[in-house]
Amino acid sequence: MRIFTKYILKEFLSVFLASMLALIGIFIANDASEYIAALIVKGAGLVDIAKIFFLGIPSTFILVVPISFVMGWVVAISRMAGDLEILAV
């Protein structure tokens, strides 16, 4: 792998993974606000509630991955453009 490719992937992956974790947290918090009261009323324990939300994480990937991908490339390219690294290439 070329040095430039490694550099761009390093810039991209750090933002991609950070935005993925943040967005998954936001989606989980949004789901929690809707369902937690109903689950407690029905007598579900904390372990059961945690299982429900952890099993819901894969379904959020449909929305989270494209958003994180775009955020990663925009931030990586704009940072490189701001430091005039793209001009140097």
PDB file of N, CA and C in Angstrom:
ATOM      1  N   MET A   1       0.835  -1.167   0.000  1.00  0.00           N
ATOM      2  CA  MET A   1       0.000   0.000   0.000  1.00  0.00           C
ATOM      3  C   MET A   1       0.890   1.243   0.000  1.00  0.00           C
ATOM      4  N   ARG A   2       0.520   2.211  -0.782  1.00  0.00           N
ATOM      5  CA  ARG A   2       1.329   3.414  -0.890  1.00  0.00           C
ATOM      6  C   ARG A   2       1.176   4.292   0.352  1.00  0.00           C
ATOM      7  N   ILE A   3       2.141   5.138   0.585  1.00  0.00           N
ATOM      8  CA  ILE A   3       2.153   6.001   1.762  1.00  0.00           C
ATOM      9  C   ILE A   3       0.962   6.947   1.757  1.00  0.00           C
ATOM     10  N   PHE A   4       0.648   7.511   0.594  1.00  0.00           N
ATOM     11  CA  PHE A   4      -0.463   8.455   0.501  1.00  0.00           C
ATOM     12  C   PHE A   4      -1.797   7.773   0.813  1.00  0.00           C
ATOM     13  N   THR A   5      -1.965   6.545   0.333  1.00  0.00           N
ATOM     14  CA  THR A   5      -3.188   5.797   0.604  1.00  0.00           C
ATOM     15  C   THR A   5      -3.327   5.518   2.092  1.00  0.00           C
ATOM     16  N   LYS A   6      -2.258   5.120   2.739  1.00  0.00           N
ATOM     17  CA  LYS A   6      -2.288   4.875   4.181  1.00  0.00           C
ATOM     18  C   LYS A   6      -2.645   6.146   4.944  1.00  0.00           C
ATOM     19  N   TYR A   7      -2.092   7.265   4.506  1.00  0.00           N
ATOM     20  CA  TYR A   7      -2.335   8.537   5.178  1.00  0.00           C
ATOM     21  C   TYR A   7      -3.804   8.941   5.068  1.00  0.00           C
ATOM     22  N   ILE A   8      -4.364   8.823   3.879  1.00  0.00           N
ATOM     23  CA  ILE A   8      -5.773   9.181   3.689  1.00  0.00           C
ATOM     24  C   ILE A   8      -6.674   8.240   4.483  1.00  0.00           C
ATOM     25  N   LEU A   9      -6.386   6.952   4.471  1.00  0.00           N
ATOM     26  CA  LEU A   9      -7.200   6.007   5.232  1.00  0.00           C
ATOM     27  C   LEU A   9      -7.113   6.276   6.732  1.00  0.00           C
ATOM     28  N   LYS A  10      -5.941   6.666   7.215  1.00  0.00           N
ATOM     29  CA  LYS A  10      -5.799   6.986   8.632  1.00  0.00           C
ATOM     30  C   LYS A  10      -6.655   8.185   9.002  1.00  0.00           C
ATOM     31  N   GLU A  11      -6.637   9.203   8.152  1.00  0.00           N
ATOM     32  CA  GLU A  11      -7.460  10.392   8.387  1.00  0.00           C
ATOM     33  C   GLU A  11      -8.945  10.035   8.348  1.00  0.00           C
ATOM     34  N   PHE A  12      -9.332   9.217   7.381  1.00  0.00           N
ATOM     35  CA  PHE A  12     -10.731   8.863   7.191  1.00  0.00           C
ATOM     36  C   PHE A  12     -11.238   7.960   8.315  1.00  0.00           C
ATOM     37  N   LEU A  13     -10.489   6.909   8.644  1.00  0.00           N
ATOM     38  CA  LEU A  13     -10.975   5.910   9.602  1.00  0.00           C
ATOM     39  C   LEU A  13     -11.169   6.469  10.999  1.00  0.00           C
ATOM     40  N   SER A  14     -10.327   7.399  11.409  1.00  0.00           N
ATOM     41  CA  SER A  14     -10.494   7.951  12.752  1.00  0.00           C
ATOM     42  C   SER A  14     -11.823   8.692  12.883  1.00  0.00           C
ATOM     43  N   VAL A  15     -12.161   9.503  11.893  1.00  0.00           N
ATOM     44  CA  VAL A  15     -13.430  10.243  11.931  1.00  0.00           C
ATOM     45  C   VAL A  15     -14.597   9.294  11.704  1.00  0.00           C
ATOM     46  N   PHE A  16     -14.436   8.329  10.805  1.00  0.00           N
ATOM     47  CA  PHE A  16     -15.498   7.367  10.512  1.00  0.00           C
ATOM     48  C   PHE A  16     -15.893   6.590  11.757  1.00  0.00           C
ATOM     49  N   LEU A  17     -14.923   6.048  12.471  1.00  0.00           N
ATOM     50  CA  LEU A  17     -15.228   5.259  13.660  1.00  0.00           C
ATOM     51  C   LEU A  17     -15.793   6.115  14.789  1.00  0.00           C
ATOM     52  N   ALA A  18     -15.249   7.296  14.971  1.00  0.00           N
ATOM     53  CA  ALA A  18     -15.762   8.181  16.022  1.00  0.00           C
ATOM     54  C   ALA A  18     -17.208   8.596  15.744  1.00  0.00           C
ATOM     55  N   SER A  19     -17.503   8.938  14.502  1.00  0.00           N
ATOM     56  CA  SER A  19     -18.872   9.331  14.174  1.00  0.00           C
ATOM     57  C   SER A  19     -19.822   8.145  14.239  1.00  0.00           C
ATOM     58  N   MET A  20     -19.337   6.957  13.907  1.00  0.00           N
ATOM     59  CA  MET A  20     -20.181   5.773  14.025  1.00  0.00           C
ATOM     60  C   MET A  20     -20.572   5.517  15.474  1.00  0.00           C
ATOM     61  N   LEU A  21     -19.600   5.581  16.374  1.00  0.00           N
ATOM     62  CA  LEU A  21     -19.895   5.367  17.789  1.00  0.00           C
ATOM     63  C   LEU A  21     -20.834   6.435  18.328  1.00  0.00           C
ATOM     64  N   ALA A  22     -20.605   7.677  17.946  1.00  0.00           N
ATOM     65  CA  ALA A  22     -21.464   8.766  18.421  1.00  0.00           C
ATOM     66  C   ALA A  22     -22.894   8.609  17.901  1.00  0.00           C
ATOM     67  N   LEU A  23     -23.034   8.282  16.633  1.00  0.00           N
ATOM     68  CA  LEU A  23     -24.377   8.139  16.061  1.00  0.00           C
ATOM     69  C   LEU A  23     -25.112   6.926  16.622  1.00  0.00           C
ATOM     70  N   ILE A  24     -24.406   5.832  16.856  1.00  0.00           N
ATOM     71  CA  ILE A  24     -25.042   4.669  17.471  1.00  0.00           C
ATOM     72  C   ILE A  24     -25.528   5.036  18.872  1.00  0.00           C
ATOM     73  N   GLY A  25     -24.715   5.799  19.606  1.00  0.00           N
ATOM     74  CA  GLY A  25     -25.141   6.255  20.927  1.00  0.00           C
ATOM     75  C   GLY A  25     -26.379   7.128  20.862  1.00  0.00           C
ATOM     76  N   ILE A  26     -26.442   8.001  19.874  1.00  0.00           N
ATOM     77  CA  ILE A  26     -27.612   8.871  19.720  1.00  0.00           C
ATOM     78  C   ILE A  26     -28.851   8.049  19.393  1.00  0.00           C
ATOM     79  N   PHE A  27     -28.715   7.086  18.490  1.00  0.00           N
ATOM     80  CA  PHE A  27     -29.864   6.252  18.130  1.00  0.00           C
ATOM     81  C   PHE A  27     -30.327   5.400  19.311  1.00  0.00           C
ATOM     82  N   ILE A  28     -29.386   4.876  20.088  1.00  0.00           N
ATOM     83  CA  ILE A  28     -29.756   4.078  21.267  1.00  0.00           C
ATOM     84  C   ILE A  28     -30.471   4.957  22.290  1.00  0.00           C
ATOM     85  N   ALA A  29     -29.956   6.168  22.510  1.00  0.00           N
ATOM     86  CA  ALA A  29     -30.599   7.082  23.461  1.00  0.00           C
ATOM     87  C   ALA A  29     -32.007   7.458  22.998  1.00  0.00           C
ATOM     88  N   ASN A  30     -32.176   7.632  21.706  1.00  0.00           N
ATOM     89  CA  ASN A  30     -33.498   7.951  21.168  1.00  0.00           C
ATOM     90  C   ASN A  30     -34.453   6.783  21.378  1.00  0.00           C
ATOM     91  N   ASP A  31     -34.010   5.583  21.114  1.00  0.00           N
ATOM     92  CA  ASP A  31     -34.853   4.405  21.345  1.00  0.00           C
ATOM     93  C   ASP A  31     -35.163   4.232  22.826  1.00  0.00           C
ATOM     94  N   ALA A  32     -34.180   4.513  23.664  1.00  0.00           N
ATOM     95  CA  ALA A  32     -34.370   4.341  25.103  1.00  0.00           C
ATOM     96  C   ALA A  32     -35.449   5.281  25.619  1.00  0.00           C
ATOM     97  N   SER A  33     -35.468   6.489  25.112  1.00  0.00           N
ATOM     98  CA  SER A  33     -36.469   7.446  25.586  1.00  0.00           C
ATOM     99  C   SER A  33     -37.886   7.012  25.230  1.00  0.00           C
ATOM    100  N   GLU A  34     -38.028   6.286  24.146  1.00  0.00           N
ATOM    101  CA  GLU A  34     -39.354   5.847  23.722  1.00  0.00           C
ATOM    102  C   GLU A  34     -39.829   4.590  24.445  1.00  0.00           C
ATOM    103  N   TYR A  35     -38.924   3.643  24.693  1.00  0.00           N
ATOM    104  CA  TYR A  35     -39.340   2.331  25.155  1.00  0.00           C
ATOM    105  C   TYR A  35     -39.096   2.039  26.624  1.00  0.00           C
ATOM    106  N   ILE A  36     -38.248   2.778  27.283  1.00  0.00           N
ATOM    107  CA  ILE A  36     -37.835   2.388  28.625  1.00  0.00           C
ATOM    108  C   ILE A  36     -39.000   2.420  29.620  1.00  0.00           C
ATOM    109  N   ALA A  37     -39.847   3.413  29.542  1.00  0.00           N
ATOM    110  CA  ALA A  37     -40.981   3.497  30.468  1.00  0.00           C
ATOM    111  C   ALA A  37     -41.948   2.340  30.240  1.00  0.00           C
ATOM    112  N   ALA A  38     -42.212   2.016  28.984  1.00  0.00           N
ATOM    113  CA  ALA A  38     -43.128   0.914  28.682  1.00  0.00           C
ATOM    114  C   ALA A  38     -42.561  -0.423  29.145  1.00  0.00           C
ATOM    115  N   LEU A  39     -41.251  -0.594  29.022  1.00  0.00           N
ATOM    116  CA  LEU A  39     -40.641  -1.857  29.454  1.00  0.00           C
ATOM    117  C   LEU A  39     -40.644  -1.990  30.970  1.00  0.00           C
ATOM    118  N   ILE A  40     -40.431  -0.913  31.682  1.00  0.00           N
ATOM    119  CA  ILE A  40     -40.439  -0.974  33.145  1.00  0.00           C
ATOM    120  C   ILE A  40     -41.851  -1.244  33.658  1.00  0.00           C
ATOM    121  N   VAL A  41     -42.857  -0.644  33.032  1.00  0.00           N
ATOM    122  CA  VAL A  41     -44.246  -0.875  33.436  1.00  0.00           C
ATOM    123  C   VAL A  41     -44.617  -2.343  33.254  1.00  0.00           C
ATOM    124  N   LYS A  42     -44.095  -2.956  32.202  1.00  0.00           N
ATOM    125  CA  LYS A  42     -44.402  -4.369  31.944  1.00  0.00           C
ATOM    126  C   LYS A  42     -43.581  -5.312  32.806  1.00  0.00           C
ATOM    127  N   GLY A  43     -42.661  -4.774  33.619  1.00  0.00           N
ATOM    128  CA  GLY A  43     -41.910  -5.606  34.562  1.00  0.00           C
ATOM    129  C   GLY A  43     -40.584  -6.124  34.036  1.00  0.00           C
ATOM    130  N   ALA A  44     -40.031  -5.522  33.025  1.00  0.00           N
ATOM    131  CA  ALA A  44     -38.742  -5.959  32.484  1.00  0.00           C
ATOM    132  C   ALA A  44     -37.620  -5.463  33.395  1.00  0.00           C
ATOM    133  N   GLY A  45     -36.624  -6.299  33.588  1.00  0.00           N
ATOM    134  CA  GLY A  45     -35.476  -5.921  34.401  1.00  0.00           C
ATOM    135  C   GLY A  45     -34.444  -5.181  33.574  1.00  0.00           C
ATOM    136  N   LEU A  46     -33.407  -4.703  34.254  1.00  0.00           N
ATOM    137  CA  LEU A  46     -32.352  -3.962  33.555  1.00  0.00           C
ATOM    138  C   LEU A  46     -31.607  -4.837  32.558  1.00  0.00           C
ATOM    139  N   VAL A  47     -31.419  -6.103  32.879  1.00  0.00           N
ATOM    140  CA  VAL A  47     -30.729  -7.008  31.960  1.00  0.00           C
ATOM    141  C   VAL A  47     -31.552  -7.196  30.685  1.00  0.00           C
ATOM    142  N   ASP A  48     -32.858  -7.350  30.855  1.00  0.00           N
ATOM    143  CA  ASP A  48     -33.732  -7.508  29.691  1.00  0.00           C
ATOM    144  C   ASP A  48     -33.744  -6.249  28.820  1.00  0.00           C
ATOM    145  N   ILE A  49     -33.765  -5.095  29.458  1.00  0.00           N
ATOM    146  CA  ILE A  49     -33.753  -3.837  28.718  1.00  0.00           C
ATOM    147  C   ILE A  49     -32.434  -3.682  27.954  1.00  0.00           C
ATOM    148  N   ALA A  50     -31.318  -4.031  28.602  1.00  0.00           N
ATOM    149  CA  ALA A  50     -30.012  -3.948  27.936  1.00  0.00           C
ATOM    150  C   ALA A  50     -29.950  -4.890  26.741  1.00  0.00           C
ATOM    151  N   LYS A  51     -30.492  -6.100  26.889  1.00  0.00           N
ATOM    152  CA  LYS A  51     -30.506  -7.051  25.769  1.00  0.00           C
ATOM    153  C   LYS A  51     -31.297  -6.499  24.584  1.00  0.00           C
ATOM    154  N   ILE A  52     -32.435  -5.895  24.863  1.00  0.00           N
ATOM    155  CA  ILE A  52     -33.273  -5.353  23.789  1.00  0.00           C
ATOM    156  C   ILE A  52     -32.524  -4.278  23.012  1.00  0.00           C
ATOM    157  N   PHE A  53     -31.825  -3.396  23.726  1.00  0.00           N
ATOM    158  CA  PHE A  53     -31.126  -2.318  23.039  1.00  0.00           C
ATOM    159  C   PHE A  53     -29.867  -2.808  22.327  1.00  0.00           C
ATOM    160  N   PHE A  54     -29.167  -3.773  22.901  1.00  0.00           N
ATOM    161  CA  PHE A  54     -27.989  -4.304  22.213  1.00  0.00           C
ATOM    162  C   PHE A  54     -28.374  -5.081  20.966  1.00  0.00           C
ATOM    163  N   LEU A  55     -29.524  -5.746  21.000  1.00  0.00           N
ATOM    164  CA  LEU A  55     -29.982  -6.440  19.800  1.00  0.00           C
ATOM    165  C   LEU A  55     -30.494  -5.467  18.737  1.00  0.00           C
ATOM    166  N   GLY A  56     -30.787  -4.240  19.124  1.00  0.00           N
ATOM    167  CA  GLY A  56     -31.237  -3.235  18.164  1.00  0.00           C
ATOM    168  C   GLY A  56     -30.109  -2.509  17.466  1.00  0.00           C
ATOM    169  N   ILE A  57     -28.878  -2.676  17.935  1.00  0.00           N
ATOM    170  CA  ILE A  57     -27.741  -1.982  17.331  1.00  0.00           C
ATOM    171  C   ILE A  57     -27.535  -2.354  15.862  1.00  0.00           C
ATOM    172  N   PRO A  58     -27.586  -3.629  15.478  1.00  0.00           N
ATOM    173  CA  PRO A  58     -27.364  -3.939  14.047  1.00  0.00           C
ATOM    174  C   PRO A  58     -28.354  -3.265  13.102  1.00  0.00           C
ATOM    175  N   SER A  59     -29.573  -3.043  13.541  1.00  0.00           N
ATOM    176  CA  SER A  59     -30.539  -2.390  12.653  1.00  0.00           C
ATOM    177  C   SER A  59     -30.224  -0.911  12.447  1.00  0.00           C
ATOM    178  N   THR A  60     -29.463  -0.305  13.350  1.00  0.00           N
ATOM    179  CA  THR A  60     -29.097   1.099  13.169  1.00  0.00           C
ATOM    180  C   THR A  60     -27.966   1.279  12.171  1.00  0.00           C
ATOM    181  N   PHE A  61     -27.250   0.206  11.836  1.00  0.00           N
ATOM    182  CA  PHE A  61     -26.152   0.315  10.885  1.00  0.00           C
ATOM    183  C   PHE A  61     -26.622   0.764   9.509  1.00  0.00           C
ATOM    184  N   ILE A  62     -27.874   0.477   9.165  1.00  0.00           N
ATOM    185  CA  ILE A  62     -28.416   0.884   7.870  1.00  0.00           C
ATOM    186  C   ILE A  62     -28.383   2.402   7.742  1.00  0.00           C
ATOM    187  N   LEU A  63     -28.622   3.110   8.829  1.00  0.00           N
ATOM    188  CA  LEU A  63     -28.617   4.573   8.800  1.00  0.00           C
ATOM    189  C   LEU A  63     -27.266   5.158   9.172  1.00  0.00           C
ATOM    190  N   VAL A  64     -26.539   4.507  10.053  1.00  0.00           N
ATOM    191  CA  VAL A  64     -25.318   5.076  10.618  1.00  0.00           C
ATOM    192  C   VAL A  64     -24.139   4.992   9.654  1.00  0.00           C
ATOM    193  N   VAL A  65     -23.970   3.890   8.958  1.00  0.00           N
ATOM    194  CA  VAL A  65     -22.798   3.701   8.104  1.00  0.00           C
ATOM    195  C   VAL A  65     -22.720   4.735   6.976  1.00  0.00           C
ATOM    196  N   PRO A  66     -23.785   4.998   6.221  1.00  0.00           N
ATOM    197  CA  PRO A  66     -23.657   6.020   5.168  1.00  0.00           C
ATOM    198  C   PRO A  66     -23.357   7.421   5.707  1.00  0.00           C
ATOM    199  N   ILE A  67     -23.986   7.783   6.819  1.00  0.00           N
ATOM    200  CA  ILE A  67     -23.736   9.107   7.400  1.00  0.00           C
ATOM    201  C   ILE A  67     -22.293   9.208   7.869  1.00  0.00           C
ATOM    202  N   SER A  68     -21.802   8.171   8.529  1.00  0.00           N
ATOM    203  CA  SER A  68     -20.425   8.174   9.020  1.00  0.00           C
ATOM    204  C   SER A  68     -19.426   8.181   7.871  1.00  0.00           C
ATOM    205  N   PHE A  69     -19.745   7.479   6.799  1.00  0.00           N
ATOM    206  CA  PHE A  69     -18.868   7.448   5.634  1.00  0.00           C
ATOM    207  C   PHE A  69     -18.709   8.842   5.043  1.00  0.00           C
ATOM    208  N   VAL A  70     -19.828   9.532   4.857  1.00  0.00           N
ATOM    209  CA  VAL A  70     -19.774  10.887   4.299  1.00  0.00           C
ATOM    210  C   VAL A  70     -19.042  11.833   5.249  1.00  0.00           C
ATOM    211  N   MET A  71     -19.332  11.728   6.536  1.00  0.00           N
ATOM    212  CA  MET A  71     -18.653  12.591   7.504  1.00  0.00           C
ATOM    213  C   MET A  71     -17.151  12.359   7.501  1.00  0.00           C
ATOM    214  N   GLY A  72     -16.747  11.091   7.412  1.00  0.00           N
ATOM    215  CA  GLY A  72     -15.325  10.766   7.394  1.00  0.00           C
ATOM    216  C   GLY A  72     -14.606  11.370   6.208  1.00  0.00           C
ATOM    217  N   TRP A  73     -15.188  11.222   5.007  1.00  0.00           N
ATOM    218  CA  TRP A  73     -14.532  11.765   3.824  1.00  0.00           C
ATOM    219  C   TRP A  73     -14.541  13.284   3.812  1.00  0.00           C
ATOM    220  N   VAL A  74     -15.629  13.891   4.221  1.00  0.00           N
ATOM    221  CA  VAL A  74     -15.697  15.356   4.219  1.00  0.00           C
ATOM    222  C   VAL A  74     -14.670  15.940   5.187  1.00  0.00           C
ATOM    223  N   VAL A  75     -14.594  15.390   6.379  1.00  0.00           N
ATOM    224  CA  VAL A  75     -13.646  15.914   7.365  1.00  0.00           C
ATOM    225  C   VAL A  75     -12.205  15.653   6.923  1.00  0.00           C
ATOM    226  N   ALA A  76     -11.929  14.457   6.418  1.00  0.00           N
ATOM    227  CA  ALA A  76     -10.558  14.130   5.998  1.00  0.00           C
ATOM    228  C   ALA A  76     -10.108  15.017   4.835  1.00  0.00           C
ATOM    229  N   ILE A  77     -10.934  15.156   3.824  1.00  0.00           N
ATOM    230  CA  ILE A  77     -10.559  15.955   2.658  1.00  0.00           C
ATOM    231  C   ILE A  77     -10.496  17.441   3.012  1.00  0.00           C
ATOM    232  N   SER A  78     -11.428  17.917   3.820  1.00  0.00           N
ATOM    233  CA  SER A  78     -11.391  19.343   4.173  1.00  0.00           C
ATOM    234  C   SER A  78     -10.200  19.661   5.067  1.00  0.00           C
ATOM    235  N   ARG A  79      -9.803  18.753   5.943  1.00  0.00           N
ATOM    236  CA  ARG A  79      -8.623  18.987   6.758  1.00  0.00           C
ATOM    237  C   ARG A  79      -7.372  19.001   5.909  1.00  0.00           C
ATOM    238  N   MET A  80      -7.299  18.067   4.959  1.00  0.00           N
ATOM    239  CA  MET A  80      -6.154  18.036   4.055  1.00  0.00           C
ATOM    240  C   MET A  80      -6.124  19.263   3.152  1.00  0.00           C
ATOM    241  N   ALA A  81      -7.275  19.741   2.721  1.00  0.00           N
ATOM    242  CA  ALA A  81      -7.321  20.947   1.895  1.00  0.00           C
ATOM    243  C   ALA A  81      -6.940  22.175   2.712  1.00  0.00           C
ATOM    244  N   GLY A  82      -7.344  22.199   3.966  1.00  0.00           N
ATOM    245  CA  GLY A  82      -6.992  23.322   4.825  1.00  0.00           C
ATOM    246  C   GLY A  82      -5.506  23.423   5.102  1.00  0.00           C
ATOM    247  N   ASP A  83      -4.825  22.267   5.157  1.00  0.00           N
ATOM    248  CA  ASP A  83      -3.381  22.255   5.377  1.00  0.00           C
ATOM    249  C   ASP A  83      -2.597  22.276   4.067  1.00  0.00           C
ATOM    250  N   LEU A  84      -3.299  22.449   2.952  1.00  0.00           N
ATOM    251  CA  LEU A  84      -2.706  22.490   1.600  1.00  0.00           C
ATOM    252  C   LEU A  84      -1.990  21.189   1.217  1.00  0.00           C
ATOM    253  N   GLU A  85      -2.398  20.085   1.811  1.00  0.00           N
ATOM    254  CA  GLU A  85      -1.798  18.793   1.475  1.00  0.00           C
ATOM    255  C   GLU A  85      -2.296  18.294   0.130  1.00  0.00           C
ATOM    256  N   ILE A  86      -3.533  18.592  -0.217  1.00  0.00           N
ATOM    257  CA  ILE A  86      -4.061  18.173  -1.515  1.00  0.00           C
ATOM    258  C   ILE A  86      -3.342  18.928  -2.630  1.00  0.00           C
ATOM    259  N   LEU A  87      -3.062  20.197  -2.408  1.00  0.00           N
ATOM    260  CA  LEU A  87      -2.313  20.991  -3.389  1.00  0.00           C
ATOM    261  C   LEU A  87      -0.918  20.432  -3.592  1.00  0.00           C
ATOM    262  N   ALA A  88      -0.315  19.946  -2.534  1.00  0.00           N
ATOM    263  CA  ALA A  88       1.041  19.378  -2.630  1.00  0.00           C
ATOM    264  C   ALA A  88       1.048  18.086  -3.438  1.00  0.00           C
ATOM    265  N   VAL A  89      -0.040  17.336  -3.371  1.00  0.00           N
ATOM    266  CA  VAL A  89      -0.106  16.086  -4.123  1.00  0.00           C
ATOM    267  C   VAL A  89      -0.251  16.400  -5.592  1.00  0.00           C
TER     268      VAL A  89
END
